[in-house]
């Protein structure tokens, strides 16, 4: 019958168990083959094999087995220690000392009254490790992001765009004035075309991508839209600067100074408002700019196509006033 009890033993048993642990670690470190060894005297020490103490055999020392089982049918005067195996004590067997099994079971069926007084079936519990004092939790330093100041990258973009728009006016002042005049005459149409331009441009790119020749022209289409954006932006700045000079009662300002003032106002307004609002304002200005740049093109196309296929009114008759009657007088006398 298998019995289990608490591991309590004299210092000799504890020393024997610790010595067995040290011997096992030394064996694993040396990687020696499993074999039976005689530790000197009458002790039996076995590594990697089982040990059987036959009936009638008497061991005057201890029986220690590593990695095997121990079967006791005879008499052991000392302790029986097994590591990594089971310890069996037959009814005819007798162990005067401790019966210890690390990682195995102890089956003590001895009929003697003093055999196997202490049984153990598990590793002895080690004393708890002293707990380290908990370190105080330091709260993380909050990182405060300053979102009130202007974004330098966004302001840099606006400055570069303003310089390019001013350069577009310097290179093509006539085109900028034409776009400005068209925006003054048809602001709603230009704004509608500008806000619909992303969809129109996407359709143009898809149409160009269908053909092989159109794929080559796609970069040119992108450049054309960018140039139209700069010309239209300069036209919007021209209108804005002209209105500001009118409010300031400045008569006949220089065109370049008018465009520069308008671009400066656009950059300041879009750069120092919140970033999302500046992006929305620039999107609106860009839409009006592209739409305004398309107005002269649409007008020229309509004017060129109208005489060919459009409705031409019939010619109006030219009114000729009647000649006045001859002045009264005596009739002419025939000669």
Foldseek 3Di string as FASTA:
>chain_A
DFDADDDDFDVVVVVVVVVLVVVVVVCVVVVDDWAWDDPDDQETETEQEEEEQADPHEGAEEYEYENYEYEFQYEYAEEYEYENYEYEYDCNGAYQYAYEYAQAGYHHNHPDDRGHPHYHGHDDDDDDDDDDDDDDDDDDDDDDDDQQFFDPVVLVVLVVLLVLLLVLCVVCVPLLVQLLVLCVVCVPQLLVCLVCVVVVLVVQLVVLVVDPNSVVCNVVSVVVLVSLLSSLLLSQQLVVLVVVCVVVVNPPDDSSVSSSVSSVVLSVVLGNDRVVVSVVVVSSSSSSSNSSSCVVVVVVVCVVCCVPPNDDDDDDDDDDDDDDDDDDDDDDDDD
